[in-house]
Amino acid sequence: METGKTIELKLVYPHEANHEDGQISVLSSLGCALLGAKVGDSISYRTSEGTQTVKIGKVLFQPEANGIDLT
């Protein structure tokens, strides 16, 4: 079912996750599914209520694309 709803999420380390603020752990089901996704991709992930699918509308910041080394 398509809802047309838009939300902004930020992928963070697990200890920084706060769902109310849209901060999703990179190790969560959704976080793992989002890794490597690009604008226009539709990704699916599992929840306790079944499989959900989202479409990537915009990527606001990618450290690697901006030359930032996270190691």
PDB file of N, CA and C in Angstrom:
ATOM      1  N   MET A   1       0.844  -1.182   0.000  1.00  0.00           N
ATOM      2  CA  MET A   1       0.000   0.000   0.000  1.00  0.00           C
ATOM      3  C   MET A   1       0.886   1.242   0.000  1.00  0.00           C
ATOM      4  N   GLU A   2       0.677   2.105  -0.925  1.00  0.00           N
ATOM      5  CA  GLU A   2       1.451   3.333  -1.020  1.00  0.00           C
ATOM      6  C   GLU A   2       0.768   4.424  -0.215  1.00  0.00           C
ATOM      7  N   THR A   3       1.548   5.059   0.688  1.00  0.00           N
ATOM      8  CA  THR A   3       0.959   6.096   1.532  1.00  0.00           C
ATOM      9  C   THR A   3       1.358   7.495   1.082  1.00  0.00           C
ATOM     10  N   GLY A   4       2.483   7.625   0.388  1.00  0.00           N
ATOM     11  CA  GLY A   4       2.962   8.935  -0.010  1.00  0.00           C
ATOM     12  C   GLY A   4       3.587   9.715   1.136  1.00  0.00           C
ATOM     13  N   LYS A   5       3.702   9.082   2.295  1.00  0.00           N
ATOM     14  CA  LYS A   5       4.260   9.733   3.479  1.00  0.00           C
ATOM     15  C   LYS A   5       5.776   9.874   3.335  1.00  0.00           C
ATOM     16  N   THR A   6       6.297  11.026   3.708  1.00  0.00           N
ATOM     17  CA  THR A   6       7.729  11.284   3.671  1.00  0.00           C
ATOM     18  C   THR A   6       8.243  11.460   5.093  1.00  0.00           C
ATOM     19  N   ILE A   7       9.332  10.769   5.403  1.00  0.00           N
ATOM     20  CA  ILE A   7       9.976  10.936   6.710  1.00  0.00           C
ATOM     21  C   ILE A   7      11.475  11.092   6.500  1.00  0.00           C
ATOM     22  N   GLU A   8      12.117  11.777   7.422  1.00  0.00           N
ATOM     23  CA  GLU A   8      13.561  11.949   7.374  1.00  0.00           C
ATOM     24  C   GLU A   8      14.175  11.100   8.474  1.00  0.00           C
ATOM     25  N   LEU A   9      15.133  10.267   8.095  1.00  0.00           N
ATOM     26  CA  LEU A   9      15.817   9.401   9.046  1.00  0.00           C
ATOM     27  C   LEU A   9      17.310   9.663   9.003  1.00  0.00           C
ATOM     28  N   LYS A  10      17.956   9.415  10.113  1.00  0.00           N
ATOM     29  CA  LYS A  10      19.402   9.534  10.203  1.00  0.00           C
ATOM     30  C   LYS A  10      19.934   8.204  10.707  1.00  0.00           C
ATOM     31  N   LEU A  11      20.897   7.621   9.983  1.00  0.00           N
ATOM     32  CA  LEU A  11      21.523   6.383  10.430  1.00  0.00           C
ATOM     33  C   LEU A  11      22.613   6.720  11.433  1.00  0.00           C
ATOM     34  N   VAL A  12      22.557   6.062  12.581  1.00  0.00           N
ATOM     35  CA  VAL A  12      23.497   6.348  13.666  1.00  0.00           C
ATOM     36  C   VAL A  12      24.005   5.039  14.264  1.00  0.00           C
ATOM     37  N   TYR A  13      25.037   5.136  15.101  1.00  0.00           N
ATOM     38  CA  TYR A  13      25.507   3.974  15.849  1.00  0.00           C
ATOM     39  C   TYR A  13      24.415   3.551  16.829  1.00  0.00           C
ATOM     40  N   PRO A  14      24.381   2.260  17.177  1.00  0.00           N
ATOM     41  CA  PRO A  14      23.301   1.750  18.036  1.00  0.00           C
ATOM     42  C   PRO A  14      23.081   2.546  19.322  1.00  0.00           C
ATOM     43  N   HIS A  15      24.147   2.977  19.988  1.00  0.00           N
ATOM     44  CA  HIS A  15      23.988   3.690  21.262  1.00  0.00           C
ATOM     45  C   HIS A  15      23.415   5.103  21.089  1.00  0.00           C
ATOM     46  N   GLU A  16      23.363   5.594  19.841  1.00  0.00           N
ATOM     47  CA  GLU A  16      22.813   6.927  19.572  1.00  0.00           C
ATOM     48  C   GLU A  16      21.378   6.878  19.046  1.00  0.00           C
ATOM     49  N   ALA A  17      20.848   5.669  18.827  1.00  0.00           N
ATOM     50  CA  ALA A  17      19.519   5.518  18.222  1.00  0.00           C
ATOM     51  C   ALA A  17      18.433   6.124  19.101  1.00  0.00           C
ATOM     52  N   ASN A  18      17.505   6.835  18.467  1.00  0.00           N
ATOM     53  CA  ASN A  18      16.363   7.434  19.143  1.00  0.00           C
ATOM     54  C   ASN A  18      15.247   7.545  18.105  1.00  0.00           C
ATOM     55  N   HIS A  19      14.350   6.572  18.101  1.00  0.00           N
ATOM     56  CA  HIS A  19      13.311   6.510  17.066  1.00  0.00           C
ATOM     57  C   HIS A  19      12.424   7.740  17.046  1.00  0.00           C
ATOM     58  N   GLU A  20      12.157   8.341  18.202  1.00  0.00           N
ATOM     59  CA  GLU A  20      11.299   9.531  18.247  1.00  0.00           C
ATOM     60  C   GLU A  20      11.917  10.695  17.476  1.00  0.00           C
ATOM     61  N   ASP A  21      13.254  10.746  17.445  1.00  0.00           N
ATOM     62  CA  ASP A  21      13.959  11.814  16.732  1.00  0.00           C
ATOM     63  C   ASP A  21      14.371  11.397  15.320  1.00  0.00           C
ATOM     64  N   GLY A  22      13.941  10.203  14.881  1.00  0.00           N
ATOM     65  CA  GLY A  22      14.283   9.733  13.542  1.00  0.00           C
ATOM     66  C   GLY A  22      15.700   9.231  13.404  1.00  0.00           C
ATOM     67  N   GLN A  23      16.332   8.890  14.526  1.00  0.00           N
ATOM     68  CA  GLN A  23      17.696   8.376  14.505  1.00  0.00           C
ATOM     69  C   GLN A  23      17.637   6.854  14.609  1.00  0.00           C
ATOM     70  N   ILE A  24      17.986   6.175  13.515  1.00  0.00           N
ATOM     71  CA  ILE A  24      17.839   4.739  13.386  1.00  0.00           C
ATOM     72  C   ILE A  24      19.210   4.070  13.439  1.00  0.00           C
ATOM     73  N   SER A  25      19.327   3.023  14.236  1.00  0.00           N
ATOM     74  CA  SER A  25      20.584   2.282  14.332  1.00  0.00           C
ATOM     75  C   SER A  25      20.928   1.645  12.992  1.00  0.00           C
ATOM     76  N   VAL A  26      22.199   1.726  12.618  1.00  0.00           N
ATOM     77  CA  VAL A  26      22.652   1.078  11.389  1.00  0.00           C
ATOM     78  C   VAL A  26      22.531  -0.439  11.493  1.00  0.00           C
ATOM     79  N   LEU A  27      22.409  -0.956  12.713  1.00  0.00           N
ATOM     80  CA  LEU A  27      22.298  -2.400  12.913  1.00  0.00           C
ATOM     81  C   LEU A  27      20.855  -2.878  12.979  1.00  0.00           C
ATOM     82  N   SER A  28      19.892  -1.965  12.933  1.00  0.00           N
ATOM     83  CA  SER A  28      18.479  -2.361  12.929  1.00  0.00           C
ATOM     84  C   SER A  28      18.133  -2.937  11.559  1.00  0.00           C
ATOM     85  N   SER A  29      16.994  -3.573  11.473  1.00  0.00           N
ATOM     86  CA  SER A  29      16.546  -4.137  10.199  1.00  0.00           C
ATOM     87  C   SER A  29      16.463  -3.055   9.120  1.00  0.00           C
ATOM     88  N   LEU A  30      15.855  -1.926   9.447  1.00  0.00           N
ATOM     89  CA  LEU A  30      15.751  -0.826   8.494  1.00  0.00           C
ATOM     90  C   LEU A  30      17.121  -0.233   8.200  1.00  0.00           C
ATOM     91  N   GLY A  31      17.928  -0.033   9.229  1.00  0.00           N
ATOM     92  CA  GLY A  31      19.260   0.531   9.040  1.00  0.00           C
ATOM     93  C   GLY A  31      20.113  -0.299   8.102  1.00  0.00           C
ATOM     94  N   CYS A  32      20.111  -1.610   8.303  1.00  0.00           N
ATOM     95  CA  CYS A  32      20.874  -2.508   7.430  1.00  0.00           C
ATOM     96  C   CYS A  32      20.360  -2.445   5.999  1.00  0.00           C
ATOM     97  N   ALA A  33      19.051  -2.380   5.843  1.00  0.00           N
ATOM     98  CA  ALA A  33      18.460  -2.324   4.504  1.00  0.00           C
ATOM     99  C   ALA A  33      18.818  -1.021   3.792  1.00  0.00           C
ATOM    100  N   LEU A  34      18.976   0.058   4.548  1.00  0.00           N
ATOM    101  CA  LEU A  34      19.284   1.357   3.949  1.00  0.00           C
ATOM    102  C   LEU A  34      20.742   1.486   3.522  1.00  0.00           C
ATOM    103  N   LEU A  35      21.631   0.726   4.150  1.00  0.00           N
ATOM    104  CA  LEU A  35      23.051   0.832   3.821  1.00  0.00           C
ATOM    105  C   LEU A  35      23.279   0.507   2.348  1.00  0.00           C
ATOM    106  N   GLY A  36      23.923   1.405   1.656  1.00  0.00           N
ATOM    107  CA  GLY A  36      24.220   1.216   0.245  1.00  0.00           C
ATOM    108  C   GLY A  36      23.095   1.608  -0.694  1.00  0.00           C
ATOM    109  N   ALA A  37      21.930   1.942  -0.158  1.00  0.00           N
ATOM    110  CA  ALA A  37      20.801   2.334  -1.014  1.00  0.00           C
ATOM    111  C   ALA A  37      21.050   3.727  -1.582  1.00  0.00           C
ATOM    112  N   LYS A  38      20.471   3.965  -2.739  1.00  0.00           N
ATOM    113  CA  LYS A  38      20.622   5.274  -3.365  1.00  0.00           C
ATOM    114  C   LYS A  38      19.255   5.824  -3.757  1.00  0.00           C
ATOM    115  N   VAL A  39      19.224   7.081  -4.116  1.00  0.00           N
ATOM    116  CA  VAL A  39      17.975   7.742  -4.490  1.00  0.00           C
ATOM    117  C   VAL A  39      17.281   6.939  -5.586  1.00  0.00           C
ATOM    118  N   GLY A  40      15.989   6.724  -5.382  1.00  0.00           N
ATOM    119  CA  GLY A  40      15.184   5.981  -6.342  1.00  0.00           C
ATOM    120  C   GLY A  40      15.036   4.509  -6.012  1.00  0.00           C
ATOM    121  N   ASP A  41      15.909   3.983  -5.134  1.00  0.00           N
ATOM    122  CA  ASP A  41      15.821   2.575  -4.743  1.00  0.00           C
ATOM    123  C   ASP A  41      14.598   2.336  -3.873  1.00  0.00           C
ATOM    124  N   SER A  42      13.974   1.189  -4.052  1.00  0.00           N
ATOM    125  CA  SER A  42      12.938   0.707  -3.141  1.00  0.00           C
ATOM    126  C   SER A  42      13.556  -0.434  -2.355  1.00  0.00           C
ATOM    127  N   ILE A  43      13.497  -0.346  -1.043  1.00  0.00           N
ATOM    128  CA  ILE A  43      14.090  -1.382  -0.201  1.00  0.00           C
ATOM    129  C   ILE A  43      13.019  -1.960   0.707  1.00  0.00           C
ATOM    130  N   SER A  44      13.196  -3.217   1.054  1.00  0.00           N
ATOM    131  CA  SER A  44      12.274  -3.896   1.961  1.00  0.00           C
ATOM    132  C   SER A  44      13.021  -4.294   3.218  1.00  0.00           C
ATOM    133  N   TYR A  45      12.310  -4.265   4.329  1.00  0.00           N
ATOM    134  CA  TYR A  45      12.888  -4.678   5.606  1.00  0.00           C
ATOM    135  C   TYR A  45      11.791  -5.303   6.449  1.00  0.00           C
ATOM    136  N   ARG A  46      12.202  -6.113   7.413  1.00  0.00           N
ATOM    137  CA  ARG A  46      11.239  -6.825   8.254  1.00  0.00           C
ATOM    138  C   ARG A  46      10.970  -6.068   9.545  1.00  0.00           C
ATOM    139  N   THR A  47       9.715  -6.097   9.956  1.00  0.00           N
ATOM    140  CA  THR A  47       9.312  -5.551  11.247  1.00  0.00           C
ATOM    141  C   THR A  47       8.505  -6.625  11.963  1.00  0.00           C
ATOM    142  N   SER A  48       8.119  -6.352  13.187  1.00  0.00           N
ATOM    143  CA  SER A  48       7.286  -7.304  13.927  1.00  0.00           C
ATOM    144  C   SER A  48       5.902  -7.437  13.295  1.00  0.00           C
ATOM    145  N   GLU A  49       5.530  -6.482  12.460  1.00  0.00           N
ATOM    146  CA  GLU A  49       4.224  -6.501  11.795  1.00  0.00           C
ATOM    147  C   GLU A  49       4.290  -6.997  10.358  1.00  0.00           C
ATOM    148  N   GLY A  50       5.454  -7.466   9.928  1.00  0.00           N
ATOM    149  CA  GLY A  50       5.609  -7.965   8.562  1.00  0.00           C
ATOM    150  C   GLY A  50       6.641  -7.170   7.790  1.00  0.00           C
ATOM    151  N   THR A  51       6.699  -7.404   6.512  1.00  0.00           N
ATOM    152  CA  THR A  51       7.669  -6.738   5.652  1.00  0.00           C
ATOM    153  C   THR A  51       7.144  -5.372   5.210  1.00  0.00           C
ATOM    154  N   GLN A  52       8.008  -4.381   5.304  1.00  0.00           N
ATOM    155  CA  GLN A  52       7.694  -3.011   4.877  1.00  0.00           C
ATOM    156  C   GLN A  52       8.599  -2.655   3.698  1.00  0.00           C
ATOM    157  N   THR A  53       8.127  -1.815   2.820  1.00  0.00           N
ATOM    158  CA  THR A  53       8.926  -1.349   1.692  1.00  0.00           C
ATOM    159  C   THR A  53       8.912   0.174   1.681  1.00  0.00           C
ATOM    160  N   VAL A  54      10.089   0.750   1.485  1.00  0.00           N
ATOM    161  CA  VAL A  54      10.206   2.209   1.394  1.00  0.00           C
ATOM    162  C   VAL A  54      11.002   2.570   0.146  1.00  0.00           C
ATOM    163  N   LYS A  55      10.766   3.768  -0.359  1.00  0.00           N
ATOM    164  CA  LYS A  55      11.503   4.267  -1.513  1.00  0.00           C
ATOM    165  C   LYS A  55      12.366   5.436  -1.065  1.00  0.00           C
ATOM    166  N   ILE A  56      13.624   5.424  -1.477  1.00  0.00           N
ATOM    167  CA  ILE A  56      14.565   6.481  -1.104  1.00  0.00           C
ATOM    168  C   ILE A  56      14.307   7.694  -1.993  1.00  0.00           C
ATOM    169  N   GLY A  57      13.910   8.794  -1.377  1.00  0.00           N
ATOM    170  CA  GLY A  57      13.625  10.016  -2.123  1.00  0.00           C
ATOM    171  C   GLY A  57      14.802  10.963  -2.187  1.00  0.00           C
ATOM    172  N   LYS A  58      15.616  10.966  -1.131  1.00  0.00           N
ATOM    173  CA  LYS A  58      16.729  11.905  -1.065  1.00  0.00           C
ATOM    174  C   LYS A  58      17.740  11.377  -0.054  1.00  0.00           C
ATOM    175  N   VAL A  59      19.018  11.576  -0.335  1.00  0.00           N
ATOM    176  CA  VAL A  59      20.079  11.274   0.624  1.00  0.00           C
ATOM    177  C   VAL A  59      20.725  12.610   0.955  1.00  0.00           C
ATOM    178  N   LEU A  60      20.613  13.004   2.210  1.00  0.00           N
ATOM    179  CA  LEU A  60      21.071  14.342   2.595  1.00  0.00           C
ATOM    180  C   LEU A  60      22.572  14.441   2.791  1.00  0.00           C
ATOM    181  N   PHE A  61      23.210  13.359   3.279  1.00  0.00           N
ATOM    182  CA  PHE A  61      24.644  13.427   3.549  1.00  0.00           C
ATOM    183  C   PHE A  61      25.231  12.037   3.528  1.00  0.00           C
ATOM    184  N   GLN A  62      26.320  11.863   2.802  1.00  0.00           N
ATOM    185  CA  GLN A  62      27.062  10.615   2.781  1.00  0.00           C
ATOM    186  C   GLN A  62      28.520  10.950   3.055  1.00  0.00           C
ATOM    187  N   PRO A  63      29.054  10.562   4.217  1.00  0.00           N
ATOM    188  CA  PRO A  63      30.442  10.892   4.542  1.00  0.00           C
ATOM    189  C   PRO A  63      31.438  10.445   3.474  1.00  0.00           C
ATOM    190  N   GLU A  64      31.268   9.219   2.955  1.00  0.00           N
ATOM    191  CA  GLU A  64      32.216   8.701   1.974  1.00  0.00           C
ATOM    192  C   GLU A  64      32.214   9.541   0.701  1.00  0.00           C
ATOM    193  N   ALA A  65      31.053   9.995   0.288  1.00  0.00           N
ATOM    194  CA  ALA A  65      30.941  10.800  -0.928  1.00  0.00           C
ATOM    195  C   ALA A  65      31.554  12.182  -0.741  1.00  0.00           C
ATOM    196  N   ASN A  66      31.726  12.592   0.503  1.00  0.00           N
ATOM    197  CA  ASN A  66      32.304  13.897   0.808  1.00  0.00           C
ATOM    198  C   ASN A  66      33.759  13.801   1.232  1.00  0.00           C
ATOM    199  N   GLY A  67      34.382  12.624   1.006  1.00  0.00           N
ATOM    200  CA  GLY A  67      35.795  12.449   1.309  1.00  0.00           C
ATOM    201  C   GLY A  67      36.111  12.298   2.779  1.00  0.00           C
ATOM    202  N   ILE A  68      35.119  11.976   3.599  1.00  0.00           N
ATOM    203  CA  ILE A  68      35.345  11.810   5.032  1.00  0.00           C
ATOM    204  C   ILE A  68      35.643  10.351   5.318  1.00  0.00           C
ATOM    205  N   ASP A  69      36.807  10.082   5.920  1.00  0.00           N
ATOM    206  CA  ASP A  69      37.207   8.719   6.269  1.00  0.00           C
ATOM    207  C   ASP A  69      36.714   8.412   7.670  1.00  0.00           C
ATOM    208  N   LEU A  70      35.839   7.428   7.793  1.00  0.00           N
ATOM    209  CA  LEU A  70      35.252   7.089   9.090  1.00  0.00           C
ATOM    210  C   LEU A  70      36.035   6.024   9.839  1.00  0.00           C
ATOM    211  N   THR A  71      37.189   5.596   9.300  1.00  0.00           N
ATOM    212  CA  THR A  71      37.971   4.555   9.986  1.00  0.00           C
ATOM    213  C   THR A  71      38.941   5.137  10.959  1.00  0.00           C
TER     214      THR A  71
END
